[in-house]
Protein backbone atom coordinates (compact mmCIF):
# COMPACT_ATOMS: atom_id res chain seq x y z
CA MET A 1 0.00 0.00 0.00
CA ALA A 2 1.24 3.44 -0.92
CA THR A 3 0.88 6.47 1.34
CA ARG A 4 0.54 10.00 0.04
CA VAL A 5 1.92 13.07 1.80
CA TYR A 6 0.50 16.59 1.32
CA VAL A 7 3.04 19.43 1.15
CA GLY A 8 1.61 22.94 1.57
CA ASN A 9 2.93 26.51 1.49
CA LEU A 10 5.22 25.83 -1.46
CA SER A 11 6.99 28.71 -3.14
CA PRO A 12 5.70 29.61 -6.60
CA THR A 13 9.15 28.71 -7.94
CA THR A 14 9.16 25.14 -6.53
CA THR A 15 9.20 22.54 -9.30
CA ASP A 16 8.38 18.82 -9.28
CA ASP A 17 12.11 18.07 -9.36
CA MET A 18 12.84 20.37 -6.40
CA LEU A 19 10.06 18.73 -4.39
CA ARG A 20 11.35 15.25 -5.25
CA GLU A 21 14.90 16.19 -4.24
CA ALA A 22 13.78 17.71 -0.93
CA PHE A 23 11.72 14.65 0.02
CA TRP A 24 14.04 11.93 -1.24
CA ILE A 25 15.89 11.62 2.11
CA ALA A 26 17.13 8.13 1.22
CA LEU A 27 13.55 6.88 1.24
CA GLN A 28 11.97 5.24 -1.74
CA LEU A 29 9.43 7.29 -3.63
CA ILE A 30 7.20 5.11 -5.77
CA PHE A 31 5.36 7.75 -7.79
CA PRO A 32 6.56 11.02 -9.23
CA THR A 33 6.20 13.99 -6.93
CA ILE A 34 3.84 16.63 -8.21
CA VAL A 35 3.41 20.33 -7.62
CA MET A 36 -0.18 21.25 -8.41
CA ARG A 37 -0.46 23.95 -11.07
CA ASP A 38 -3.22 26.24 -12.26
CA ARG A 39 -4.54 24.85 -15.55
CA TYR A 40 -4.81 28.27 -17.19
CA THR A 41 -1.65 30.04 -16.02
CA ASP A 42 0.57 27.00 -15.25
CA ARG A 43 1.63 28.73 -12.02
CA SER A 44 2.06 26.76 -8.82
CA ARG A 45 -1.03 26.56 -6.62
CA GLY A 46 1.24 26.39 -3.55
CA PHE A 47 0.87 22.70 -2.69
CA GLY A 48 1.87 19.29 -3.94
CA PHE A 49 2.02 15.59 -3.16
CA VAL A 50 4.74 13.02 -2.53
CA THR A 51 3.92 9.29 -2.47
CA TYR A 52 5.91 6.71 -0.53
CA SER A 53 5.83 2.94 -0.73
CA SER A 54 5.03 2.51 2.96
CA HIS A 55 3.19 4.31 5.72
CA SER A 56 6.33 4.39 7.91
CA GLU A 57 8.33 6.17 5.18
CA ALA A 58 5.56 8.74 4.80
CA GLU A 59 5.46 9.31 8.56
CA ALA A 60 9.25 9.78 8.57
CA ALA A 61 8.90 12.39 5.81
CA VAL A 62 6.20 14.23 7.77
CA SER A 63 8.23 14.29 10.99
CA GLY A 64 11.43 15.21 9.14
CA MET A 65 10.07 17.93 6.85
CA ASP A 66 7.08 19.59 8.54
CA GLY A 67 8.02 23.19 9.29
CA LYS A 68 11.31 23.00 7.39
CA GLU A 69 12.30 25.61 4.84
CA LEU A 70 12.05 24.83 1.14
CA ASN A 71 12.81 27.58 -1.40
CA GLY A 72 12.43 30.30 1.20
CA ARG A 73 9.17 29.07 2.76
CA ARG A 74 8.34 26.89 5.73
CA VAL A 75 6.33 24.00 4.37
CA SER A 76 3.41 22.26 6.00
CA VAL A 77 3.65 18.48 5.61
CA LYS A 78 0.85 16.07 6.55
CA LEU A 79 -0.32 12.58 5.73
CA PHE A 80 -2.94 12.93 3.01
CA GLY A 81 -6.41 11.53 3.53
CA ILE A 82 -7.66 9.22 6.21
CA GLY A 83 -5.74 6.13 5.18
CA ASP A 84 -3.49 4.63 2.60
CA ILE A 85 -4.15 4.83 -1.12
CA ASP A 86 -3.99 1.84 -3.40
CA ASP A 87 -1.78 2.31 -6.45
CA GLU A 88 -3.76 -0.05 -8.68
């Protein structure tokens, strides 16, 4: 089961690659990271998602990154949703 992590308060300049690099932390990401973008302007909406292969890796990312600075902003990091998501 995969577990998704929500990352909020992202800088408008944060890219998918920057998010992936910040959350790699020697843990295994199983899906691409994604910064959500406005469909009309292609500008960042200020949040994104990172998906880990296990709940424990996602919890480690939350405890390690919540409140940390990324591209000049302190990010808010939380487990996304009530439970795990299925990657089928």
